Amino acid sequence: MVSLRRVHIAMAGGPMAAHAPVGIGLAKPLTADVPLDHVIEPTTSAEAGVPAAILPESLTIEGKAFLSSTAALAQAIASPKQFLREGKPSKEISSVAREWRADPIVLGTRGRSGLARLAPGRTAEAVVRNAPGPVLVVRGT
């Protein structure tokens, strides 16, 4: 049974914050805790042409800013716990959900067109398969 004590809002890669208000909106009437989770995947960003020497620092700064702005949205509920991790997003998101015993995970996925729109992204699909509980996937625009 899902008790909805903790609504885990997970963010990986770039800021796709369209799902954050959905998670916060779900948590607010339930007075649920809101753990915020942002995962940095350095190998993906390195492939995008960011110099390896500045990669970890710039991604950490960006991740902290993204968590802070999302936490500001959730302040009406409570002071959310923030997690900034580095690694494979699906693994880290599921790990935080297990540690925090999150009830649902709210996760964004990129909007796609054509046949690709019928399936969630790789990270969302892996989280759905490996999560310890329910996952709400919110499609980005």
N, C-alpha and C. Protein backbone atom coordinates (compact mmCIF):
# COMPACT_ATOMS: atom_id res chain seq x y z
N MET A 1 0.84 -1.19 0.00
CA MET A 1 0.00 0.00 0.00
C MET A 1 0.88 1.25 0.00
N VAL A 2 0.51 2.21 -0.79
CA VAL A 2 1.25 3.46 -0.88
C VAL A 2 0.67 4.44 0.12
N SER A 3 1.54 4.97 0.99
CA SER A 3 1.05 5.89 2.00
C SER A 3 1.30 7.36 1.64
N LEU A 4 2.14 7.61 0.66
CA LEU A 4 2.46 8.95 0.20
C LEU A 4 2.97 9.85 1.32
N ARG A 5 3.96 9.35 2.06
CA ARG A 5 4.61 10.17 3.08
C ARG A 5 5.75 10.96 2.50
N ARG A 6 6.35 10.43 1.43
CA ARG A 6 7.49 11.08 0.79
C ARG A 6 7.31 11.04 -0.72
N VAL A 7 7.22 12.18 -1.34
CA VAL A 7 7.12 12.27 -2.79
C VAL A 7 8.50 12.66 -3.30
N HIS A 8 9.19 11.72 -3.92
CA HIS A 8 10.56 11.88 -4.38
C HIS A 8 10.55 12.52 -5.76
N ILE A 9 11.08 13.73 -5.86
CA ILE A 9 11.16 14.42 -7.14
C ILE A 9 12.58 14.25 -7.67
N ALA A 10 12.72 13.50 -8.76
CA ALA A 10 14.03 13.15 -9.30
C ALA A 10 14.32 13.91 -10.58
N MET A 11 15.55 14.40 -10.69
CA MET A 11 15.96 15.16 -11.86
C MET A 11 17.31 14.62 -12.32
N ALA A 12 17.43 14.35 -13.59
CA ALA A 12 18.70 13.85 -14.13
C ALA A 12 19.03 14.61 -15.39
N GLY A 13 20.30 14.79 -15.62
CA GLY A 13 20.73 15.51 -16.83
C GLY A 13 20.36 16.97 -16.75
N GLY A 14 19.82 17.50 -17.82
CA GLY A 14 19.46 18.91 -17.88
C GLY A 14 18.21 19.20 -17.08
N PRO A 15 17.99 20.46 -16.77
CA PRO A 15 16.83 20.81 -15.98
C PRO A 15 15.52 20.69 -16.76
N MET A 16 14.78 19.64 -16.50
CA MET A 16 13.45 19.46 -17.08
C MET A 16 12.47 19.60 -15.93
N ALA A 17 12.26 20.81 -15.49
CA ALA A 17 11.54 21.04 -14.25
C ALA A 17 10.03 20.98 -14.39
N ALA A 18 9.51 20.63 -15.55
CA ALA A 18 8.06 20.57 -15.72
C ALA A 18 7.41 19.60 -14.74
N HIS A 19 8.14 18.57 -14.34
CA HIS A 19 7.57 17.57 -13.44
C HIS A 19 7.66 17.98 -11.97
N ALA A 20 8.52 18.92 -11.63
CA ALA A 20 8.67 19.33 -10.23
C ALA A 20 7.36 19.89 -9.66
N PRO A 21 6.67 20.80 -10.35
CA PRO A 21 5.39 21.28 -9.81
C PRO A 21 4.35 20.17 -9.67
N VAL A 22 4.42 19.15 -10.53
CA VAL A 22 3.50 18.02 -10.42
C VAL A 22 3.76 17.28 -9.12
N GLY A 23 5.03 16.99 -8.83
CA GLY A 23 5.38 16.31 -7.59
C GLY A 23 5.04 17.13 -6.36
N ILE A 24 5.31 18.42 -6.41
CA ILE A 24 5.00 19.31 -5.29
C ILE A 24 3.50 19.40 -5.10
N GLY A 25 2.75 19.48 -6.20
CA GLY A 25 1.30 19.52 -6.12
C GLY A 25 0.71 18.24 -5.53
N LEU A 26 1.35 17.12 -5.79
CA LEU A 26 0.93 15.84 -5.23
C LEU A 26 1.23 15.79 -3.73
N ALA A 27 2.38 16.31 -3.34
CA ALA A 27 2.82 16.24 -1.94
C ALA A 27 2.08 17.22 -1.03
N LYS A 28 1.74 18.39 -1.54
CA LYS A 28 1.20 19.46 -0.70
C LYS A 28 -0.07 19.07 0.07
N PRO A 29 -1.12 18.58 -0.57
CA PRO A 29 -2.33 18.27 0.22
C PRO A 29 -2.13 17.07 1.15
N LEU A 30 -1.10 16.29 0.91
CA LEU A 30 -0.84 15.11 1.73
C LEU A 30 0.16 15.42 2.85
N THR A 31 0.66 16.65 2.88
CA THR A 31 1.73 17.06 3.80
C THR A 31 2.88 16.05 3.81
N ALA A 32 3.25 15.62 2.62
CA ALA A 32 4.33 14.64 2.46
C ALA A 32 5.68 15.35 2.42
N ASP A 33 6.72 14.66 2.85
CA ASP A 33 8.08 15.15 2.69
C ASP A 33 8.42 15.12 1.21
N VAL A 34 9.36 16.00 0.81
CA VAL A 34 9.74 16.08 -0.59
C VAL A 34 11.26 15.98 -0.72
N PRO A 35 11.80 14.78 -0.88
CA PRO A 35 13.22 14.69 -1.19
C PRO A 35 13.45 15.06 -2.66
N LEU A 36 14.38 15.97 -2.90
CA LEU A 36 14.74 16.38 -4.26
C LEU A 36 16.06 15.72 -4.62
N ASP A 37 16.14 15.20 -5.81
CA ASP A 37 17.29 14.41 -6.22
C ASP A 37 17.72 14.85 -7.61
N HIS A 38 18.98 15.29 -7.74
CA HIS A 38 19.53 15.65 -9.05
C HIS A 38 20.77 14.82 -9.28
N VAL A 39 20.83 14.14 -10.41
CA VAL A 39 21.95 13.26 -10.72
C VAL A 39 22.74 13.82 -11.89
N ILE A 40 24.04 13.89 -11.70
CA ILE A 40 24.95 14.34 -12.74
C ILE A 40 25.58 13.11 -13.38
N GLU A 41 25.50 13.04 -14.69
CA GLU A 41 26.12 11.94 -15.43
C GLU A 41 27.26 12.52 -16.27
N PRO A 42 28.47 12.54 -15.72
CA PRO A 42 29.59 13.21 -16.40
C PRO A 42 29.92 12.67 -17.78
N THR A 43 29.78 11.39 -18.00
CA THR A 43 30.16 10.84 -19.30
C THR A 43 29.28 11.40 -20.41
N THR A 44 27.99 11.56 -20.13
CA THR A 44 27.09 12.12 -21.14
C THR A 44 27.46 13.57 -21.44
N SER A 45 27.75 14.35 -20.40
CA SER A 45 28.09 15.75 -20.60
C SER A 45 29.44 15.90 -21.30
N ALA A 46 30.39 15.00 -21.00
CA ALA A 46 31.70 15.06 -21.64
C ALA A 46 31.57 14.83 -23.14
N GLU A 47 30.64 13.96 -23.52
CA GLU A 47 30.41 13.70 -24.93
C GLU A 47 29.84 14.92 -25.65
N ALA A 48 29.26 15.84 -24.88
CA ALA A 48 28.67 17.03 -25.47
C ALA A 48 29.71 18.11 -25.76
N GLY A 49 30.98 17.85 -25.43
CA GLY A 49 32.04 18.78 -25.77
C GLY A 49 32.48 19.68 -24.64
N VAL A 50 32.07 19.42 -23.42
CA VAL A 50 32.51 20.22 -22.29
C VAL A 50 33.90 19.72 -21.89
N PRO A 51 34.88 20.61 -21.74
CA PRO A 51 36.23 20.17 -21.36
C PRO A 51 36.22 19.41 -20.03
N ALA A 52 36.91 18.28 -19.99
CA ALA A 52 36.91 17.40 -18.82
C ALA A 52 37.41 18.11 -17.57
N ALA A 53 38.31 19.08 -17.70
CA ALA A 53 38.87 19.76 -16.54
C ALA A 53 37.83 20.60 -15.79
N ILE A 54 36.87 21.17 -16.50
CA ILE A 54 35.88 22.01 -15.83
C ILE A 54 34.55 21.30 -15.63
N LEU A 55 34.42 20.10 -16.16
CA LEU A 55 33.16 19.38 -16.13
C LEU A 55 32.59 19.17 -14.72
N PRO A 56 33.32 18.52 -13.80
CA PRO A 56 32.72 18.24 -12.49
C PRO A 56 32.28 19.51 -11.74
N GLU A 57 33.12 20.53 -11.76
CA GLU A 57 32.79 21.76 -11.05
C GLU A 57 31.58 22.46 -11.66
N SER A 58 31.53 22.58 -12.97
CA SER A 58 30.42 23.28 -13.60
C SER A 58 29.11 22.51 -13.44
N LEU A 59 29.16 21.17 -13.52
CA LEU A 59 27.95 20.39 -13.34
C LEU A 59 27.45 20.43 -11.90
N THR A 60 28.37 20.48 -10.96
CA THR A 60 27.99 20.58 -9.54
C THR A 60 27.33 21.93 -9.27
N ILE A 61 27.90 22.99 -9.79
CA ILE A 61 27.32 24.33 -9.60
C ILE A 61 25.92 24.38 -10.22
N GLU A 62 25.80 23.87 -11.44
CA GLU A 62 24.50 23.84 -12.12
C GLU A 62 23.49 22.99 -11.34
N GLY A 63 23.92 21.83 -10.86
CA GLY A 63 23.04 20.94 -10.10
C GLY A 63 22.56 21.57 -8.81
N LYS A 64 23.47 22.24 -8.08
CA LYS A 64 23.09 22.91 -6.83
C LYS A 64 22.08 24.04 -7.09
N ALA A 65 22.31 24.79 -8.15
CA ALA A 65 21.38 25.88 -8.49
C ALA A 65 20.01 25.33 -8.86
N PHE A 66 19.99 24.24 -9.60
CA PHE A 66 18.73 23.62 -10.00
C PHE A 66 17.97 23.09 -8.78
N LEU A 67 18.69 22.42 -7.87
CA LEU A 67 18.06 21.92 -6.64
C LEU A 67 17.52 23.07 -5.80
N SER A 68 18.30 24.14 -5.70
CA SER A 68 17.89 25.29 -4.90
C SER A 68 16.62 25.94 -5.46
N SER A 69 16.55 26.09 -6.78
CA SER A 69 15.36 26.72 -7.38
C SER A 69 14.14 25.82 -7.23
N THR A 70 14.33 24.51 -7.32
CA THR A 70 13.22 23.58 -7.13
C THR A 70 12.80 23.55 -5.67
N ALA A 71 13.76 23.62 -4.75
CA ALA A 71 13.46 23.65 -3.32
C ALA A 71 12.63 24.88 -2.96
N ALA A 72 12.89 25.99 -3.64
CA ALA A 72 12.12 27.21 -3.39
C ALA A 72 10.64 27.00 -3.72
N LEU A 73 10.36 26.20 -4.75
CA LEU A 73 8.97 25.89 -5.09
C LEU A 73 8.30 25.05 -4.00
N ALA A 74 9.08 24.20 -3.35
CA ALA A 74 8.53 23.26 -2.36
C ALA A 74 8.49 23.84 -0.95
N GLN A 75 8.97 25.05 -0.75
CA GLN A 75 9.05 25.62 0.60
C GLN A 75 7.70 25.71 1.30
N ALA A 76 6.63 25.81 0.54
CA ALA A 76 5.29 25.88 1.14
C ALA A 76 4.93 24.58 1.86
N ILE A 77 5.56 23.49 1.48
CA ILE A 77 5.28 22.19 2.10
C ILE A 77 6.17 22.00 3.31
N ALA A 78 7.45 22.04 3.08
CA ALA A 78 8.44 21.80 4.12
C ALA A 78 9.80 22.17 3.56
N SER A 79 10.81 22.05 4.34
CA SER A 79 12.16 22.26 3.86
C SER A 79 12.64 20.95 3.25
N PRO A 80 12.67 20.87 1.92
CA PRO A 80 12.98 19.58 1.29
C PRO A 80 14.44 19.17 1.46
N LYS A 81 14.66 17.88 1.61
CA LYS A 81 16.01 17.31 1.63
C LYS A 81 16.51 17.28 0.20
N GLN A 82 17.76 17.71 -0.01
CA GLN A 82 18.31 17.78 -1.35
C GLN A 82 19.47 16.80 -1.50
N PHE A 83 19.46 16.05 -2.60
CA PHE A 83 20.51 15.10 -2.92
C PHE A 83 21.13 15.48 -4.25
N LEU A 84 22.43 15.64 -4.28
CA LEU A 84 23.16 15.88 -5.53
C LEU A 84 24.16 14.74 -5.65
N ARG A 85 23.95 13.90 -6.63
CA ARG A 85 24.79 12.71 -6.80
C ARG A 85 25.38 12.66 -8.19
N GLU A 86 26.45 11.90 -8.30
CA GLU A 86 27.09 11.71 -9.59
C GLU A 86 27.05 10.22 -9.91
N GLY A 87 26.67 9.89 -11.13
CA GLY A 87 26.64 8.49 -11.52
C GLY A 87 25.58 8.24 -12.57
N LYS A 88 25.19 6.99 -12.68
CA LYS A 88 24.15 6.59 -13.63
C LYS A 88 22.80 7.02 -13.04
N PRO A 89 22.07 7.91 -13.74
CA PRO A 89 20.85 8.48 -13.17
C PRO A 89 19.84 7.45 -12.66
N SER A 90 19.54 6.43 -13.45
CA SER A 90 18.51 5.48 -13.01
C SER A 90 18.93 4.77 -11.72
N LYS A 91 20.19 4.44 -11.60
CA LYS A 91 20.69 3.76 -10.41
C LYS A 91 20.64 4.68 -9.19
N GLU A 92 21.10 5.92 -9.35
CA GLU A 92 21.13 6.86 -8.23
C GLU A 92 19.73 7.27 -7.78
N ILE A 93 18.82 7.45 -8.72
CA ILE A 93 17.43 7.81 -8.38
C ILE A 93 16.80 6.68 -7.58
N SER A 94 16.97 5.45 -8.03
CA SER A 94 16.41 4.31 -7.30
C SER A 94 17.07 4.16 -5.93
N SER A 95 18.35 4.45 -5.84
CA SER A 95 19.07 4.36 -4.57
C SER A 95 18.52 5.36 -3.55
N VAL A 96 18.33 6.61 -3.97
CA VAL A 96 17.76 7.62 -3.07
C VAL A 96 16.35 7.23 -2.64
N ALA A 97 15.58 6.70 -3.57
CA ALA A 97 14.21 6.27 -3.25
C ALA A 97 14.22 5.17 -2.19
N ARG A 98 15.17 4.24 -2.30
CA ARG A 98 15.28 3.17 -1.30
C ARG A 98 15.72 3.74 0.06
N GLU A 99 16.75 4.61 0.04
CA GLU A 99 17.26 5.20 1.28
C GLU A 99 16.17 5.98 2.01
N TRP A 100 15.40 6.74 1.25
CA TRP A 100 14.38 7.61 1.85
C TRP A 100 13.03 6.93 1.97
N ARG A 101 12.93 5.72 1.47
CA ARG A 101 11.65 5.01 1.45
C ARG A 101 10.56 5.88 0.82
N ALA A 102 10.92 6.42 -0.33
CA ALA A 102 9.99 7.29 -1.06
C ALA A 102 8.80 6.47 -1.54
N ASP A 103 7.65 7.07 -1.48
CA ASP A 103 6.43 6.38 -1.89
C ASP A 103 6.31 6.44 -3.42
N PRO A 104 5.96 7.58 -4.01
CA PRO A 104 6.12 7.63 -5.46
C PRO A 104 7.39 8.42 -5.81
N ILE A 105 7.96 8.10 -6.94
CA ILE A 105 9.03 8.90 -7.54
C ILE A 105 8.36 9.68 -8.66
N VAL A 106 8.59 10.98 -8.72
CA VAL A 106 8.07 11.81 -9.81
C VAL A 106 9.28 12.16 -10.68
N LEU A 107 9.20 11.79 -11.94
CA LEU A 107 10.35 11.86 -12.83
C LEU A 107 9.92 12.47 -14.15
N GLY A 108 10.76 13.34 -14.70
CA GLY A 108 10.46 13.92 -16.00
C GLY A 108 11.11 13.14 -17.13
N THR A 109 10.53 13.25 -18.30
CA THR A 109 11.13 12.66 -19.50
C THR A 109 10.97 13.67 -20.63
N ARG A 110 11.88 13.63 -21.56
CA ARG A 110 11.84 14.59 -22.67
C ARG A 110 10.66 14.31 -23.59
N GLY A 111 10.05 15.38 -24.09
CA GLY A 111 8.99 15.22 -25.08
C GLY A 111 9.58 14.76 -26.39
N ARG A 112 8.97 13.81 -27.02
CA ARG A 112 9.45 13.28 -28.29
C ARG A 112 8.32 13.29 -29.30
N SER A 113 8.68 13.05 -30.54
CA SER A 113 7.65 12.95 -31.58
C SER A 113 7.80 11.63 -32.31
N GLY A 114 6.87 11.31 -33.16
CA GLY A 114 6.93 10.08 -33.93
C GLY A 114 6.80 8.86 -33.04
N LEU A 115 7.40 7.75 -33.47
CA LEU A 115 7.32 6.50 -32.71
C LEU A 115 8.00 6.60 -31.35
N ALA A 116 9.01 7.47 -31.23
CA ALA A 116 9.75 7.60 -29.97
C ALA A 116 8.84 8.09 -28.84
N ARG A 117 7.73 8.76 -29.18
CA ARG A 117 6.84 9.29 -28.14
C ARG A 117 6.06 8.18 -27.43
N LEU A 118 6.03 6.99 -28.00
CA LEU A 118 5.28 5.90 -27.41
C LEU A 118 5.99 5.25 -26.23
N ALA A 119 7.29 5.49 -26.10
CA ALA A 119 8.06 4.87 -25.02
C ALA A 119 8.74 5.95 -24.19
N PRO A 120 8.88 5.73 -22.89
CA PRO A 120 9.61 6.71 -22.08
C PRO A 120 11.09 6.68 -22.43
N GLY A 121 11.83 7.69 -21.97
CA GLY A 121 13.27 7.73 -22.20
C GLY A 121 13.98 6.61 -21.48
N ARG A 122 15.25 6.42 -21.80
CA ARG A 122 16.02 5.34 -21.21
C ARG A 122 16.08 5.43 -19.69
N THR A 123 16.33 6.62 -19.16
CA THR A 123 16.41 6.77 -17.71
C THR A 123 15.06 6.49 -17.07
N ALA A 124 14.00 7.08 -17.59
CA ALA A 124 12.67 6.85 -17.02
C ALA A 124 12.29 5.38 -17.06
N GLU A 125 12.57 4.72 -18.16
CA GLU A 125 12.25 3.30 -18.28
C GLU A 125 13.02 2.47 -17.25
N ALA A 126 14.31 2.77 -17.08
CA ALA A 126 15.13 2.03 -16.12
C ALA A 126 14.67 2.28 -14.68
N VAL A 127 14.26 3.51 -14.38
CA VAL A 127 13.76 3.82 -13.03
C VAL A 127 12.47 3.05 -12.79
N VAL A 128 11.57 3.04 -13.75
CA VAL A 128 10.31 2.31 -13.62
C VAL A 128 10.59 0.83 -13.35
N ARG A 129 11.56 0.25 -14.05
CA ARG A 129 11.87 -1.16 -13.86
C ARG A 129 12.53 -1.46 -12.52
N ASN A 130 13.34 -0.53 -12.00
CA ASN A 130 14.16 -0.80 -10.81
C ASN A 130 13.72 -0.10 -9.54
N ALA A 131 12.74 0.75 -9.61
CA ALA A 131 12.32 1.52 -8.43
C ALA A 131 11.69 0.61 -7.37
N PRO A 132 11.85 1.00 -6.11
CA PRO A 132 11.26 0.21 -5.04
C PRO A 132 9.76 0.41 -4.89
N GLY A 133 9.19 1.35 -5.62
CA GLY A 133 7.77 1.63 -5.51
C GLY A 133 7.24 2.26 -6.79
N PRO A 134 6.09 2.92 -6.71
CA PRO A 134 5.48 3.51 -7.91
C PRO A 134 6.28 4.69 -8.45
N VAL A 135 6.16 4.89 -9.76
CA VAL A 135 6.85 5.98 -10.45
C VAL A 135 5.84 6.73 -11.31
N LEU A 136 5.82 8.04 -11.19
CA LEU A 136 4.98 8.89 -12.04
C LEU A 136 5.91 9.58 -13.02
N VAL A 137 5.75 9.28 -14.31
CA VAL A 137 6.59 9.88 -15.35
C VAL A 137 5.80 11.01 -16.00
N VAL A 138 6.39 12.22 -15.96
CA VAL A 138 5.74 13.40 -16.53
C VAL A 138 6.50 13.79 -17.78
N ARG A 139 5.79 13.84 -18.90
CA ARG A 139 6.43 14.17 -20.17
C ARG A 139 6.71 15.65 -20.24
N GLY A 140 7.95 15.99 -20.64
CA GLY A 140 8.34 17.39 -20.85
C GLY A 140 7.78 17.89 -22.15
N THR A 141 8.00 19.18 -22.39
CA THR A 141 7.49 19.76 -23.62
C THR A 141 8.59 19.91 -24.64
